Amino acid sequence: MSDATISSPRSAGFLRARLGSLLSFAPLGVWTFVHLWNNLAAFQGEGAWEQAVTTYPHPIAQLVTSVVVLLPLVLHTIWGVSRLLTARPNNVRYGYFANIKFALQRLSAIGVMLFLGAHIWLALLHPRLVEGHAEAFSDISHEMRTHMPTLVVYLLGTLGVSYHLANGISTFAMGWGIVASRRALAKLNVVSIAALVVLLGMSWSVIYALYRSGAP
């Protein structure tokens, strides 16, 4: 057996890890920020929100957007599940704080997977495939205001997404060798915390705008 044959599983695993990390940053991370930014139109009312979030200039644009987002999401999810089944915290090699982040990243991954599955079905697929139209602003705002489980799920789900993506910035930068020194890692932690604050602030602002609009 040649050395190339022996090392090929490691090489394949390395490439899968790089691809999974890259997909979490772009397009998924970039699209998440843009999606949240568009949802902030909820503060401007029903017409502005539907124009920013659910309206596409052409059916092809909707198809391309779905493929660009959903395909990487499926690939990242498959990679993430394999990581959940094989990776374990290393309390000897890494410090206490790093292991907490590791555990929270894996825990948030489970929550995010469940949340996004429900969100994609209820907000995207079910309205268009079953009801024949895009999700209505009045529907989501009414649910946020009157159905407490929906409100709680979105608050916790967006918290999980924000943490998972913010911490993913760190793993992406370290995995791709962008940062290596202790000083750079310390700065990277600051960037991750700032990203968490921004993403969570945007997410909960959108939820508040929808909740406010759902008032009788």
Protein backbone atom coordinates (compact mmCIF):
# COMPACT_ATOMS: atom_id res chain seq x y z
CA MET A 1 0.00 0.00 0.00
CA SER A 2 1.46 3.36 -1.01
CA ASP A 3 1.88 6.38 1.25
CA ALA A 4 -0.63 8.26 -0.91
CA THR A 5 -3.24 5.58 -0.26
CA ILE A 6 -2.59 5.70 3.48
CA SER A 7 -2.85 9.48 3.69
CA SER A 8 -5.87 9.85 1.40
CA PRO A 9 -8.52 9.50 4.16
CA ARG A 10 -6.77 12.24 6.15
CA SER A 11 -6.54 14.40 3.04
CA ALA A 12 -10.23 13.87 2.30
CA GLY A 13 -11.13 14.74 5.88
CA PHE A 14 -8.96 17.85 5.72
CA LEU A 15 -10.65 18.98 2.51
CA ARG A 16 -14.13 18.34 3.95
CA ALA A 17 -13.25 20.39 7.03
CA ARG A 18 -11.96 23.24 4.88
CA LEU A 19 -15.06 23.15 2.67
CA GLY A 20 -17.43 23.00 5.65
CA SER A 21 -15.68 25.92 7.29
CA LEU A 22 -15.69 27.95 4.08
CA LEU A 23 -19.39 27.38 3.46
CA SER A 24 -20.21 28.57 6.97
CA PHE A 25 -18.49 31.88 6.24
CA ALA A 26 -19.51 32.41 2.61
CA PRO A 27 -22.13 32.27 1.34
CA LEU A 28 -24.03 31.29 4.51
CA GLY A 29 -22.55 33.88 6.87
CA VAL A 30 -22.77 36.69 4.34
CA TRP A 31 -26.31 35.73 3.36
CA THR A 32 -27.42 35.60 7.01
CA PHE A 33 -26.24 39.17 7.57
CA VAL A 34 -27.96 40.37 4.39
CA HIS A 35 -31.15 38.49 5.31
CA LEU A 36 -31.25 40.11 8.73
CA TRP A 37 -30.55 43.52 7.23
CA ASN A 38 -33.46 43.10 4.81
CA ASN A 39 -35.74 41.98 7.62
CA LEU A 40 -35.10 45.24 9.46
CA ALA A 41 -37.52 46.71 6.90
CA ALA A 42 -40.19 45.41 9.32
CA PHE A 43 -39.80 48.73 11.14
CA GLN A 44 -41.11 50.44 7.99
CA GLY A 45 -44.24 48.33 7.76
CA GLU A 46 -45.79 45.55 5.72
CA GLY A 47 -45.06 46.83 2.21
CA ALA A 48 -41.40 47.57 2.87
CA TRP A 49 -40.83 44.21 4.56
CA GLU A 50 -42.47 42.16 1.82
CA GLN A 51 -40.58 44.09 -0.84
CA ALA A 52 -37.25 43.52 0.92
CA VAL A 53 -37.73 39.92 2.07
CA THR A 54 -40.24 38.00 -0.04
CA THR A 55 -40.31 39.79 -3.40
CA TYR A 56 -37.99 38.74 -6.24
CA PRO A 57 -37.63 40.62 -9.54
CA HIS A 58 -37.85 37.35 -11.50
CA PRO A 59 -38.53 33.67 -10.72
CA ILE A 60 -35.00 32.84 -11.88
CA ALA A 61 -33.61 35.17 -9.23
CA GLN A 62 -35.59 33.31 -6.58
CA LEU A 63 -34.32 29.96 -7.86
CA VAL A 64 -30.70 31.11 -7.94
CA THR A 65 -30.98 32.55 -4.42
CA SER A 66 -32.47 29.31 -3.12
CA VAL A 67 -29.72 27.19 -4.69
CA VAL A 68 -26.93 29.51 -3.51
CA VAL A 69 -28.25 29.35 0.05
CA LEU A 70 -29.89 25.95 0.48
CA LEU A 71 -27.24 23.81 -1.21
CA PRO A 72 -24.36 25.14 0.93
CA LEU A 73 -26.63 24.85 3.97
CA VAL A 74 -27.26 21.16 3.26
CA LEU A 75 -23.55 20.50 2.69
CA HIS A 76 -22.58 22.38 5.85
CA THR A 77 -25.22 20.50 7.83
CA ILE A 78 -23.94 17.12 6.64
CA TRP A 79 -20.38 18.12 7.56
CA GLY A 80 -21.56 19.47 10.90
CA VAL A 81 -23.42 16.28 11.80
CA SER A 82 -20.30 14.24 11.05
CA ARG A 83 -18.34 16.57 13.35
CA LEU A 84 -20.92 16.17 16.10
CA LEU A 85 -20.58 12.40 15.91
CA THR A 86 -16.78 12.30 15.93
CA ALA A 87 -15.32 15.42 17.62
CA ARG A 88 -14.84 15.64 21.38
CA PRO A 89 -13.56 18.45 23.68
CA ASN A 90 -9.84 18.28 24.46
CA ASN A 91 -9.35 19.51 28.03
CA VAL A 92 -5.62 18.78 27.98
CA ARG A 93 -4.62 20.59 24.80
CA TYR A 94 -7.04 23.52 25.07
CA GLY A 95 -7.96 25.78 27.95
CA TYR A 96 -11.22 25.95 29.85
CA PHE A 97 -12.62 28.89 27.87
CA ALA A 98 -11.83 27.24 24.54
CA ASN A 99 -13.61 24.07 25.60
CA ILE A 100 -16.67 26.02 26.70
CA LYS A 101 -16.80 27.63 23.27
CA PHE A 102 -16.36 24.20 21.69
CA ALA A 103 -19.26 22.73 23.68
CA LEU A 104 -21.51 25.73 23.02
CA GLN A 105 -20.72 25.58 19.31
CA ARG A 106 -21.79 21.94 19.16
CA LEU A 107 -24.88 22.59 21.30
CA SER A 108 -25.89 25.58 19.22
CA ALA A 109 -25.41 23.51 16.06
CA ILE A 110 -28.18 21.14 17.18
CA GLY A 111 -30.51 24.01 18.03
CA VAL A 112 -29.74 25.86 14.81
CA MET A 113 -30.38 22.73 12.74
CA LEU A 114 -33.82 22.29 14.30
CA PHE A 115 -34.65 25.99 14.14
CA LEU A 116 -33.62 26.45 10.51
CA GLY A 117 -35.48 23.32 9.48
CA ALA A 118 -38.69 24.69 10.98
CA HIS A 119 -38.05 28.22 9.75
CA ILE A 120 -37.35 27.20 6.15
CA TRP A 121 -40.46 25.05 6.05
CA LEU A 122 -42.83 27.52 7.71
CA ALA A 123 -41.48 30.76 6.23
CA LEU A 124 -40.37 29.64 2.77
CA LEU A 125 -41.54 26.25 1.54
CA HIS A 126 -45.00 25.85 3.06
CA PRO A 127 -46.36 29.28 2.03
CA ARG A 128 -45.07 28.98 -1.54
CA LEU A 129 -45.65 25.27 -2.18
CA VAL A 130 -48.86 24.70 -0.21
CA GLU A 131 -50.56 28.10 -0.02
CA GLY A 132 -49.32 29.39 -3.38
CA HIS A 133 -47.86 32.68 -2.17
CA ALA A 134 -44.94 34.09 -0.22
CA GLU A 135 -45.16 34.43 3.54
CA ALA A 136 -47.35 37.37 4.47
CA PHE A 137 -46.13 40.05 6.87
CA SER A 138 -49.45 39.96 8.69
CA ASP A 139 -49.07 36.23 9.34
CA ILE A 140 -45.60 36.31 10.88
CA SER A 141 -46.26 39.47 12.89
CA HIS A 142 -49.52 38.01 14.21
CA GLU A 143 -47.74 34.81 15.26
CA MET A 144 -44.98 36.75 17.00
CA ARG A 145 -47.54 38.76 18.96
CA THR A 146 -50.14 36.15 19.87
CA HIS A 147 -48.31 32.80 19.91
CA MET A 148 -45.78 32.69 22.73
CA PRO A 149 -44.04 29.46 21.56
CA THR A 150 -43.29 31.10 18.20
CA LEU A 151 -41.79 34.14 19.92
CA VAL A 152 -39.66 32.02 22.27
CA VAL A 153 -38.47 29.74 19.46
CA TYR A 154 -37.38 32.72 17.36
CA LEU A 155 -35.62 34.40 20.27
CA LEU A 156 -33.68 31.24 21.14
CA GLY A 157 -33.19 30.19 17.52
CA THR A 158 -31.68 33.51 16.48
CA LEU A 159 -29.50 33.46 19.60
CA GLY A 160 -28.17 30.08 18.48
CA VAL A 161 -27.62 31.25 14.90
CA SER A 162 -25.83 34.40 16.08
CA TYR A 163 -23.50 32.51 18.39
CA HIS A 164 -22.84 29.71 15.91
CA LEU A 165 -21.96 32.14 13.15
CA ALA A 166 -19.93 34.50 15.36
CA ASN A 167 -17.89 31.65 16.82
CA GLY A 168 -17.61 30.17 13.34
CA ILE A 169 -15.63 33.25 12.33
CA SER A 170 -12.96 32.18 14.80
CA THR A 171 -12.85 28.57 13.64
CA PHE A 172 -12.78 29.71 10.01
CA ALA A 173 -9.85 32.09 10.62
CA MET A 174 -7.90 29.50 12.59
CA GLY A 175 -8.68 26.63 10.24
CA TRP A 176 -7.51 28.58 7.21
CA GLY A 177 -4.36 29.82 8.95
CA ILE A 178 -5.41 33.47 8.86
CA VAL A 179 -4.49 33.86 12.53
CA ALA A 180 -1.96 31.84 14.53
CA SER A 181 -0.29 33.92 17.26
CA ARG A 182 -1.76 34.38 20.74
CA ARG A 183 -2.08 38.11 20.15
CA ALA A 184 -3.98 37.54 16.91
CA LEU A 185 -6.23 34.99 18.61
CA ALA A 186 -7.06 37.47 21.36
CA LYS A 187 -8.06 40.05 18.75
CA LEU A 188 -10.07 37.40 16.95
CA ASN A 189 -12.05 36.72 20.13
CA VAL A 190 -12.96 40.41 20.25
CA VAL A 191 -14.11 40.27 16.63
CA SER A 192 -16.24 37.20 17.38
CA ILE A 193 -17.88 38.87 20.38
CA ALA A 194 -18.56 42.00 18.33
CA ALA A 195 -20.09 39.86 15.57
CA LEU A 196 -22.29 38.11 18.15
CA VAL A 197 -23.53 41.44 19.49
CA VAL A 198 -24.27 42.80 16.01
CA LEU A 199 -26.02 39.67 14.74
CA LEU A 200 -28.07 39.21 17.90
CA GLY A 201 -28.95 42.91 18.00
CA MET A 202 -30.21 42.78 14.42
CA SER A 203 -32.10 39.52 15.02
CA TRP A 204 -33.92 40.65 18.13
CA SER A 205 -34.62 44.06 16.59
CA VAL A 206 -36.42 42.31 13.74
CA ILE A 207 -38.37 40.19 16.20
CA TYR A 208 -39.35 43.29 18.17
CA ALA A 209 -40.51 45.05 14.99
CA LEU A 210 -42.64 42.06 14.01
CA TYR A 211 -44.00 41.73 17.54
CA ARG A 212 -44.92 45.42 17.64
CA SER A 213 -46.62 45.23 14.24
CA GLY A 214 -48.74 42.31 15.37
CA ALA A 215 -50.56 44.37 17.98
CA PRO A 216 -54.35 44.58 17.46
